Amino acid sequence: MTESVFAQIAALKTAQIGDLKQKWLDLFEREPPPYNRRFLESRLAYRIQELAYGGLSAETIERLDVLADELEGKRPRRRSAMDNRPIAGTQLIREWKGNSHCVTVRNSDYEYQGQPFKSLSAVAKHITGTQWNGHVFFGLKNTRRRS
């Protein structure tokens, strides 16, 4: 892959269908499906980027598998705490007693004022001094029940 990713993707638009099928064989190591040109181009473009920059994270693949199972009517898996987590990098801001508090979601924990916390509830307790549901405190969950 000496060509830049952009150049490889741009070349797909002008390539002959036979060249696209050969590229498919090279990148996927199996015969291309009998789909139309647009499908081959889009899937090849994705594969080029995937090989250059990496694929989906294990967490994303797990979430997609759960969604697929639900759509197919299969019995849903037990939900984990990770299912309710905001995406890593998200900043949660909460005002408490006139002060603004910012928490950053990380891959496996939360950061508040440079310190790691295992849960949002632990952060809420640190801020307030009392026990709180972290999702409720930061507005991620409504305490009112739907009627």
N, C-alpha and C. Protein backbone atom coordinates (compact mmCIF):
# COMPACT_ATOMS: atom_id res chain seq x y z
N MET A 1 0.83 -1.19 0.00
CA MET A 1 0.00 0.00 0.00
C MET A 1 0.86 1.24 0.00
N THR A 2 1.57 1.44 -1.07
CA THR A 2 2.42 2.62 -1.15
C THR A 2 1.63 3.87 -1.51
N GLU A 3 0.52 3.68 -2.22
CA GLU A 3 -0.32 4.83 -2.56
C GLU A 3 -1.02 5.33 -1.30
N SER A 4 -1.37 6.60 -1.30
CA SER A 4 -2.12 7.11 -0.16
C SER A 4 -3.53 6.53 -0.19
N VAL A 5 -4.13 6.50 0.94
CA VAL A 5 -5.48 5.97 1.07
C VAL A 5 -6.43 6.75 0.16
N PHE A 6 -6.30 8.05 0.16
CA PHE A 6 -7.16 8.89 -0.67
C PHE A 6 -7.01 8.55 -2.15
N ALA A 7 -5.79 8.37 -2.59
CA ALA A 7 -5.54 8.06 -4.00
C ALA A 7 -6.13 6.70 -4.37
N GLN A 8 -6.00 5.72 -3.48
CA GLN A 8 -6.56 4.40 -3.75
C GLN A 8 -8.08 4.46 -3.87
N ILE A 9 -8.71 5.21 -2.99
CA ILE A 9 -10.17 5.32 -3.03
C ILE A 9 -10.62 6.08 -4.27
N ALA A 10 -9.92 7.14 -4.62
CA ALA A 10 -10.26 7.91 -5.82
C ALA A 10 -10.13 7.05 -7.08
N ALA A 11 -9.14 6.17 -7.10
CA ALA A 11 -8.91 5.31 -8.27
C ALA A 11 -10.04 4.30 -8.48
N LEU A 12 -10.78 4.00 -7.43
CA LEU A 12 -11.88 3.03 -7.55
C LEU A 12 -12.95 3.52 -8.52
N LYS A 13 -13.19 4.82 -8.56
CA LYS A 13 -14.25 5.40 -9.40
C LYS A 13 -14.00 5.19 -10.90
N THR A 14 -12.74 5.18 -11.29
CA THR A 14 -12.43 5.07 -12.71
C THR A 14 -11.94 3.68 -13.11
N ALA A 15 -11.83 2.79 -12.14
CA ALA A 15 -11.33 1.44 -12.44
C ALA A 15 -12.37 0.62 -13.21
N GLN A 16 -11.90 -0.28 -14.03
CA GLN A 16 -12.77 -1.21 -14.74
C GLN A 16 -13.33 -2.21 -13.73
N ILE A 17 -14.49 -2.79 -14.02
CA ILE A 17 -15.12 -3.75 -13.12
C ILE A 17 -14.21 -4.95 -12.85
N GLY A 18 -13.46 -5.37 -13.84
CA GLY A 18 -12.52 -6.47 -13.65
C GLY A 18 -11.41 -6.12 -12.67
N ASP A 19 -10.98 -4.86 -12.72
CA ASP A 19 -9.95 -4.40 -11.78
C ASP A 19 -10.51 -4.33 -10.36
N LEU A 20 -11.78 -3.92 -10.24
CA LEU A 20 -12.42 -3.89 -8.92
C LEU A 20 -12.51 -5.30 -8.33
N LYS A 21 -12.86 -6.26 -9.17
CA LYS A 21 -12.97 -7.64 -8.69
C LYS A 21 -11.60 -8.18 -8.28
N GLN A 22 -10.56 -7.81 -9.02
CA GLN A 22 -9.21 -8.24 -8.66
C GLN A 22 -8.78 -7.60 -7.35
N LYS A 23 -9.11 -6.32 -7.17
CA LYS A 23 -8.80 -5.61 -5.92
C LYS A 23 -9.50 -6.29 -4.75
N TRP A 24 -10.75 -6.72 -5.00
CA TRP A 24 -11.51 -7.44 -3.97
C TRP A 24 -10.76 -8.71 -3.57
N LEU A 25 -10.32 -9.47 -4.55
CA LEU A 25 -9.56 -10.69 -4.28
C LEU A 25 -8.30 -10.38 -3.46
N ASP A 26 -7.62 -9.32 -3.80
CA ASP A 26 -6.39 -8.94 -3.11
C ASP A 26 -6.66 -8.53 -1.65
N LEU A 27 -7.73 -7.77 -1.45
CA LEU A 27 -8.00 -7.24 -0.11
C LEU A 27 -8.78 -8.17 0.80
N PHE A 28 -9.68 -8.96 0.24
CA PHE A 28 -10.53 -9.84 1.05
C PHE A 28 -10.11 -11.31 0.98
N GLU A 29 -9.25 -11.64 0.00
CA GLU A 29 -8.77 -13.01 -0.19
C GLU A 29 -9.90 -14.01 -0.41
N ARG A 30 -10.93 -13.57 -1.14
CA ARG A 30 -12.03 -14.44 -1.56
C ARG A 30 -12.71 -13.80 -2.76
N GLU A 31 -13.53 -14.58 -3.43
CA GLU A 31 -14.21 -14.10 -4.63
C GLU A 31 -15.16 -12.95 -4.29
N PRO A 32 -15.26 -11.97 -5.17
CA PRO A 32 -16.18 -10.86 -4.91
C PRO A 32 -17.62 -11.33 -5.08
N PRO A 33 -18.54 -10.71 -4.35
CA PRO A 33 -19.95 -11.07 -4.50
C PRO A 33 -20.48 -10.54 -5.83
N PRO A 34 -21.58 -11.11 -6.30
CA PRO A 34 -22.13 -10.69 -7.60
C PRO A 34 -22.99 -9.43 -7.49
N TYR A 35 -22.52 -8.44 -6.76
CA TYR A 35 -23.28 -7.21 -6.60
C TYR A 35 -22.84 -6.15 -7.60
N ASN A 36 -23.54 -5.05 -7.61
CA ASN A 36 -23.25 -3.99 -8.58
C ASN A 36 -21.97 -3.22 -8.24
N ARG A 37 -21.57 -2.41 -9.15
CA ARG A 37 -20.33 -1.63 -9.06
C ARG A 37 -20.29 -0.73 -7.82
N ARG A 38 -21.40 -0.06 -7.53
CA ARG A 38 -21.44 0.86 -6.39
C ARG A 38 -21.15 0.13 -5.09
N PHE A 39 -21.71 -1.08 -4.95
CA PHE A 39 -21.45 -1.86 -3.75
C PHE A 39 -19.96 -2.19 -3.65
N LEU A 40 -19.39 -2.68 -4.75
CA LEU A 40 -17.97 -3.04 -4.74
C LEU A 40 -17.10 -1.83 -4.39
N GLU A 41 -17.40 -0.69 -4.99
CA GLU A 41 -16.61 0.52 -4.72
C GLU A 41 -16.69 0.91 -3.25
N SER A 42 -17.90 0.95 -2.71
CA SER A 42 -18.06 1.40 -1.33
C SER A 42 -17.42 0.43 -0.35
N ARG A 43 -17.58 -0.86 -0.59
CA ARG A 43 -17.00 -1.86 0.32
C ARG A 43 -15.47 -1.89 0.20
N LEU A 44 -14.96 -1.73 -1.00
CA LEU A 44 -13.52 -1.66 -1.18
C LEU A 44 -12.93 -0.42 -0.51
N ALA A 45 -13.63 0.71 -0.63
CA ALA A 45 -13.17 1.94 0.00
C ALA A 45 -13.11 1.76 1.52
N TYR A 46 -14.12 1.12 2.07
CA TYR A 46 -14.12 0.86 3.52
C TYR A 46 -12.94 -0.04 3.90
N ARG A 47 -12.72 -1.10 3.13
CA ARG A 47 -11.66 -2.06 3.43
C ARG A 47 -10.28 -1.40 3.35
N ILE A 48 -10.08 -0.54 2.38
CA ILE A 48 -8.80 0.18 2.25
C ILE A 48 -8.55 1.01 3.52
N GLN A 49 -9.58 1.72 3.97
CA GLN A 49 -9.45 2.53 5.18
C GLN A 49 -9.27 1.67 6.42
N GLU A 50 -9.99 0.55 6.46
CA GLU A 50 -9.89 -0.36 7.59
C GLU A 50 -8.46 -0.90 7.73
N LEU A 51 -7.86 -1.29 6.62
CA LEU A 51 -6.50 -1.82 6.65
C LEU A 51 -5.49 -0.73 7.01
N ALA A 52 -5.74 0.50 6.57
CA ALA A 52 -4.80 1.59 6.83
C ALA A 52 -4.93 2.14 8.25
N TYR A 53 -6.16 2.27 8.74
CA TYR A 53 -6.39 2.95 10.02
C TYR A 53 -6.90 2.05 11.13
N GLY A 54 -7.26 0.82 10.82
CA GLY A 54 -7.81 -0.08 11.83
C GLY A 54 -9.31 -0.18 11.70
N GLY A 55 -9.86 -1.27 12.23
CA GLY A 55 -11.29 -1.53 12.13
C GLY A 55 -12.05 -1.02 13.34
N LEU A 56 -13.24 -1.57 13.53
CA LEU A 56 -14.10 -1.19 14.64
C LEU A 56 -13.54 -1.74 15.95
N SER A 57 -13.80 -1.03 17.04
CA SER A 57 -13.35 -1.51 18.35
C SER A 57 -14.19 -2.71 18.77
N ALA A 58 -13.65 -3.49 19.70
CA ALA A 58 -14.36 -4.67 20.20
C ALA A 58 -15.69 -4.25 20.84
N GLU A 59 -15.70 -3.11 21.51
CA GLU A 59 -16.93 -2.62 22.14
C GLU A 59 -18.00 -2.30 21.09
N THR A 60 -17.61 -1.68 20.00
CA THR A 60 -18.56 -1.35 18.94
C THR A 60 -19.11 -2.61 18.29
N ILE A 61 -18.25 -3.59 18.04
CA ILE A 61 -18.70 -4.85 17.45
C ILE A 61 -19.70 -5.54 18.37
N GLU A 62 -19.44 -5.52 19.68
CA GLU A 62 -20.36 -6.13 20.65
C GLU A 62 -21.72 -5.42 20.63
N ARG A 63 -21.69 -4.09 20.59
CA ARG A 63 -22.96 -3.34 20.55
C ARG A 63 -23.74 -3.65 19.26
N LEU A 64 -23.04 -3.74 18.15
CA LEU A 64 -23.70 -4.07 16.88
C LEU A 64 -24.29 -5.48 16.90
N ASP A 65 -23.58 -6.43 17.51
CA ASP A 65 -24.10 -7.79 17.63
C ASP A 65 -25.39 -7.82 18.46
N VAL A 66 -25.41 -7.07 19.54
CA VAL A 66 -26.60 -7.01 20.39
C VAL A 66 -27.78 -6.42 19.61
N LEU A 67 -27.54 -5.33 18.89
CA LEU A 67 -28.60 -4.71 18.09
C LEU A 67 -29.11 -5.66 17.01
N ALA A 68 -28.19 -6.38 16.35
CA ALA A 68 -28.60 -7.33 15.32
C ALA A 68 -29.46 -8.43 15.90
N ASP A 69 -29.07 -8.93 17.06
CA ASP A 69 -29.87 -9.98 17.72
C ASP A 69 -31.27 -9.47 18.05
N GLU A 70 -31.36 -8.25 18.54
CA GLU A 70 -32.66 -7.67 18.87
C GLU A 70 -33.53 -7.52 17.62
N LEU A 71 -32.92 -7.08 16.52
CA LEU A 71 -33.67 -6.91 15.27
C LEU A 71 -34.16 -8.24 14.73
N GLU A 72 -33.38 -9.29 14.94
CA GLU A 72 -33.76 -10.62 14.45
C GLU A 72 -34.74 -11.31 15.39
N GLY A 73 -35.09 -10.66 16.49
CA GLY A 73 -36.05 -11.23 17.42
C GLY A 73 -35.45 -12.25 18.37
N LYS A 74 -34.15 -12.33 18.40
CA LYS A 74 -33.50 -13.26 19.32
C LYS A 74 -33.59 -12.69 20.74
N ARG A 75 -33.47 -13.58 21.67
CA ARG A 75 -33.52 -13.18 23.06
C ARG A 75 -32.35 -12.24 23.36
N PRO A 76 -32.62 -11.06 23.88
CA PRO A 76 -31.53 -10.12 24.13
C PRO A 76 -30.59 -10.62 25.23
N ARG A 77 -29.31 -10.29 25.08
CA ARG A 77 -28.32 -10.65 26.08
C ARG A 77 -28.52 -9.76 27.30
N ARG A 78 -27.94 -10.19 28.41
CA ARG A 78 -27.99 -9.34 29.59
C ARG A 78 -27.23 -8.06 29.30
N ARG A 79 -27.80 -6.99 29.71
CA ARG A 79 -27.15 -5.70 29.48
C ARG A 79 -26.04 -5.51 30.49
N SER A 80 -24.95 -4.96 30.03
CA SER A 80 -23.85 -4.66 30.93
C SER A 80 -23.85 -3.17 31.22
N ALA A 81 -23.05 -2.79 32.20
CA ALA A 81 -22.94 -1.37 32.54
C ALA A 81 -22.39 -0.58 31.36
N MET A 82 -21.61 -1.25 30.50
CA MET A 82 -21.02 -0.57 29.35
C MET A 82 -22.08 -0.13 28.34
N ASP A 83 -23.25 -0.80 28.33
CA ASP A 83 -24.29 -0.45 27.37
C ASP A 83 -24.86 0.95 27.62
N ASN A 84 -24.81 1.40 28.87
CA ASN A 84 -25.39 2.69 29.23
C ASN A 84 -24.36 3.81 29.28
N ARG A 85 -23.11 3.48 29.03
CA ARG A 85 -22.04 4.48 29.11
C ARG A 85 -22.07 5.40 27.89
N PRO A 86 -21.84 6.68 28.12
CA PRO A 86 -21.63 7.58 26.98
C PRO A 86 -20.32 7.19 26.29
N ILE A 87 -20.13 7.63 25.09
CA ILE A 87 -18.93 7.34 24.31
C ILE A 87 -17.72 7.99 24.98
N ALA A 88 -16.59 7.27 24.97
CA ALA A 88 -15.36 7.80 25.55
C ALA A 88 -15.02 9.15 24.92
N GLY A 89 -14.62 10.08 25.76
CA GLY A 89 -14.32 11.43 25.30
C GLY A 89 -15.45 12.42 25.59
N THR A 90 -16.63 11.90 25.87
CA THR A 90 -17.77 12.75 26.19
C THR A 90 -17.50 13.48 27.51
N GLN A 91 -17.87 14.74 27.56
CA GLN A 91 -17.74 15.50 28.80
C GLN A 91 -19.12 15.78 29.36
N LEU A 92 -19.31 15.41 30.62
CA LEU A 92 -20.58 15.63 31.31
C LEU A 92 -20.39 16.82 32.25
N ILE A 93 -21.27 17.79 32.14
CA ILE A 93 -21.14 19.00 32.94
C ILE A 93 -22.38 19.13 33.82
N ARG A 94 -22.15 19.37 35.11
CA ARG A 94 -23.25 19.50 36.06
C ARG A 94 -22.94 20.67 36.98
N GLU A 95 -23.92 21.52 37.17
CA GLU A 95 -23.76 22.61 38.11
C GLU A 95 -24.29 22.16 39.46
N TRP A 96 -23.51 22.39 40.50
CA TRP A 96 -23.92 21.98 41.85
C TRP A 96 -23.49 23.06 42.82
N LYS A 97 -24.47 23.63 43.51
CA LYS A 97 -24.24 24.68 44.51
C LYS A 97 -23.39 25.82 43.96
N GLY A 98 -23.73 26.25 42.72
CA GLY A 98 -23.08 27.39 42.11
C GLY A 98 -21.75 27.11 41.43
N ASN A 99 -21.29 25.87 41.48
CA ASN A 99 -20.03 25.49 40.83
C ASN A 99 -20.31 24.54 39.68
N SER A 100 -19.56 24.71 38.61
CA SER A 100 -19.69 23.83 37.46
C SER A 100 -18.68 22.69 37.58
N HIS A 101 -19.15 21.46 37.39
CA HIS A 101 -18.32 20.27 37.52
C HIS A 101 -18.31 19.53 36.19
N CYS A 102 -17.11 19.22 35.69
CA CYS A 102 -16.95 18.56 34.40
C CYS A 102 -16.29 17.20 34.58
N VAL A 103 -16.94 16.16 34.06
CA VAL A 103 -16.43 14.79 34.12
C VAL A 103 -16.18 14.32 32.69
N THR A 104 -15.04 13.69 32.46
CA THR A 104 -14.72 13.16 31.13
C THR A 104 -14.88 11.64 31.16
N VAL A 105 -15.66 11.11 30.22
CA VAL A 105 -15.85 9.67 30.09
C VAL A 105 -14.61 9.11 29.41
N ARG A 106 -14.02 8.06 30.01
CA ARG A 106 -12.87 7.39 29.41
C ARG A 106 -13.30 5.97 29.05
N ASN A 107 -12.40 5.19 28.45
CA ASN A 107 -12.76 3.85 27.99
C ASN A 107 -13.30 2.96 29.11
N SER A 108 -12.67 2.97 30.26
CA SER A 108 -13.11 2.06 31.32
C SER A 108 -13.43 2.76 32.63
N ASP A 109 -13.31 4.07 32.68
CA ASP A 109 -13.65 4.80 33.89
C ASP A 109 -14.02 6.25 33.56
N TYR A 110 -14.02 7.09 34.59
CA TYR A 110 -14.37 8.50 34.43
C TYR A 110 -13.27 9.34 35.07
N GLU A 111 -13.04 10.54 34.54
CA GLU A 111 -12.03 11.42 35.11
C GLU A 111 -12.70 12.70 35.59
N TYR A 112 -12.40 13.05 36.84
CA TYR A 112 -12.91 14.29 37.41
C TYR A 112 -11.76 14.96 38.15
N GLN A 113 -11.45 16.19 37.79
CA GLN A 113 -10.37 16.97 38.38
C GLN A 113 -9.05 16.19 38.38
N GLY A 114 -8.78 15.49 37.27
CA GLY A 114 -7.52 14.77 37.13
C GLY A 114 -7.46 13.43 37.85
N GLN A 115 -8.53 13.05 38.52
CA GLN A 115 -8.55 11.79 39.25
C GLN A 115 -9.47 10.79 38.55
N PRO A 116 -9.09 9.50 38.54
CA PRO A 116 -9.97 8.48 37.96
C PRO A 116 -11.04 8.04 38.96
N PHE A 117 -12.23 7.77 38.44
CA PHE A 117 -13.33 7.24 39.24
C PHE A 117 -13.93 6.07 38.48
N LYS A 118 -14.28 5.01 39.20
CA LYS A 118 -14.83 3.81 38.56
C LYS A 118 -16.25 4.02 38.04
N SER A 119 -17.01 4.92 38.68
CA SER A 119 -18.40 5.10 38.28
C SER A 119 -18.81 6.57 38.40
N LEU A 120 -19.91 6.89 37.74
CA LEU A 120 -20.45 8.25 37.86
C LEU A 120 -21.02 8.47 39.26
N SER A 121 -21.50 7.41 39.86
CA SER A 121 -22.01 7.52 41.24
C SER A 121 -20.90 7.92 42.19
N ALA A 122 -19.70 7.38 41.98
CA ALA A 122 -18.57 7.75 42.83
C ALA A 122 -18.21 9.22 42.64
N VAL A 123 -18.29 9.70 41.41
CA VAL A 123 -18.02 11.13 41.15
C VAL A 123 -19.08 11.98 41.83
N ALA A 124 -20.35 11.60 41.68
CA ALA A 124 -21.44 12.36 42.30
C ALA A 124 -21.28 12.40 43.81
N LYS A 125 -20.90 11.29 44.42
CA LYS A 125 -20.69 11.25 45.87
C LYS A 125 -19.53 12.16 46.27
N HIS A 126 -18.47 12.17 45.47
CA HIS A 126 -17.31 13.04 45.73
C HIS A 126 -17.73 14.51 45.69
N ILE A 127 -18.58 14.86 44.74
CA ILE A 127 -19.01 16.26 44.58
C ILE A 127 -19.97 16.67 45.68
N THR A 128 -20.96 15.82 45.98
CA THR A 128 -22.04 16.20 46.90
C THR A 128 -21.81 15.78 48.34
N GLY A 129 -21.02 14.73 48.54
CA GLY A 129 -20.83 14.21 49.89
C GLY A 129 -21.92 13.23 50.31
N THR A 130 -22.88 12.98 49.41
CA THR A 130 -23.94 12.02 49.70
C THR A 130 -24.09 11.04 48.54
N GLN A 131 -24.77 9.95 48.80
CA GLN A 131 -24.95 8.92 47.78
C GLN A 131 -25.94 9.38 46.72
N TRP A 132 -25.56 9.25 45.46
CA TRP A 132 -26.40 9.61 44.32
C TRP A 132 -26.28 8.53 43.26
N ASN A 133 -27.33 8.37 42.46
CA ASN A 133 -27.22 7.59 41.23
C ASN A 133 -26.51 8.53 40.25
N GLY A 134 -25.36 8.12 39.75
CA GLY A 134 -24.57 8.99 38.88
C GLY A 134 -25.27 9.38 37.61
N HIS A 135 -26.03 8.43 37.02
CA HIS A 135 -26.74 8.75 35.79
C HIS A 135 -27.83 9.79 36.03
N VAL A 136 -28.47 9.71 37.18
CA VAL A 136 -29.49 10.71 37.53
C VAL A 136 -28.82 12.05 37.81
N PHE A 137 -27.76 12.05 38.58
CA PHE A 137 -27.06 13.30 38.94
C PHE A 137 -26.60 14.06 37.71
N PHE A 138 -26.07 13.34 36.72
CA PHE A 138 -25.56 14.01 35.52
C PHE A 138 -26.60 14.12 34.40
N GLY A 139 -27.85 13.79 34.68
CA GLY A 139 -28.93 14.00 33.74
C GLY A 139 -28.99 12.98 32.61
N LEU A 140 -28.37 11.81 32.79
CA LEU A 140 -28.41 10.78 31.76
C LEU A 140 -29.62 9.87 31.91
N LYS A 141 -30.29 9.96 33.06
CA LYS A 141 -31.46 9.12 33.32
C LYS A 141 -32.48 9.96 34.04
N ASN A 142 -33.72 9.88 33.59
CA ASN A 142 -34.79 10.62 34.19
C ASN A 142 -35.37 9.78 35.34
N THR A 143 -35.59 10.39 36.50
CA THR A 143 -36.12 9.63 37.64
C THR A 143 -37.61 9.45 37.56
N ARG A 144 -38.30 10.26 36.77
CA ARG A 144 -39.76 10.14 36.63
C ARG A 144 -40.10 8.93 35.76
N ARG A 145 -41.07 8.18 36.20
CA ARG A 145 -41.51 7.01 35.43
C ARG A 145 -42.47 7.45 34.35
N ARG A 146 -42.39 6.74 33.21
CA ARG A 146 -43.35 7.02 32.12
C ARG A 146 -44.66 6.37 32.45
N SER A 147 -45.75 7.08 32.15
CA SER A 147 -47.07 6.49 32.44
C SER A 147 -47.64 5.79 31.24
